[in-house]
C-alpha cells in the first residue's frame, strides 16, 4: 500500500499504539488502514449421488474443475454469497443444509467456507464464469483436473463422510501440518 484511500496522501507502515502488528497509516490524515483476509464462500451441491462441478472460464486456473465458490461481497451473508456463486457459475438453485468445511490459508490471506447444499432440481447451465457444468459421481470426479486444493479437500471429506454415514464440519489450516 502506498497511498491513503481516504485522502490520497502517502502511507507508512507503523507501530500503532495498542495494536500487536504494524499497520499502514496515512502521514497526512492519520487514517489507519486495516488489511484483513478475504472470505471465500461456496457450495458442495449434491443431487442424488452426484456433485455439481464447474469448469472455470476465468483465471486463475481457467479450464480446471472446481466447486462453485468465490469471494463474499460486502453486505452479504455467507450463505447468500455461497448460493449466489452457485447461480453465477452454474445457473442452479440450491438449499443449504449445513456448513461442510471451514479452513484458512494464511499464506494467501483467505478463509474458506463451503456449505453442503442440495441441488433443488437437476436444472443447471453454464454461467458467465464457467466453460462447462456437470454432475459427477464419486468415480467420475476429474481429480487430476481440479483447480484448487479447497475443492479437493471439501470433496474428499464429503465422500469420506458419506461412506461412514456421518456429517461433520471439517476445519483446518493449509498447508496441513
Foldseek 3Di string as FASTA:
>chain_A
DAADPVPGAGWDFDDDPPDDGTFTAHPPPRDTDDDAFWEKAAEQEDEDQWTKWFQFCDDDQHRFIFGQMGTDDPPDDSVRRHQVSCCQAKVFGWDFDAWQEWEEAVVRRYIYTYTYIYGPDPDTHGHPGGPDMDIDHPVRPPVVRHRDVVRVVSVVSVVVCVVVVHGDYYYYYPPHD
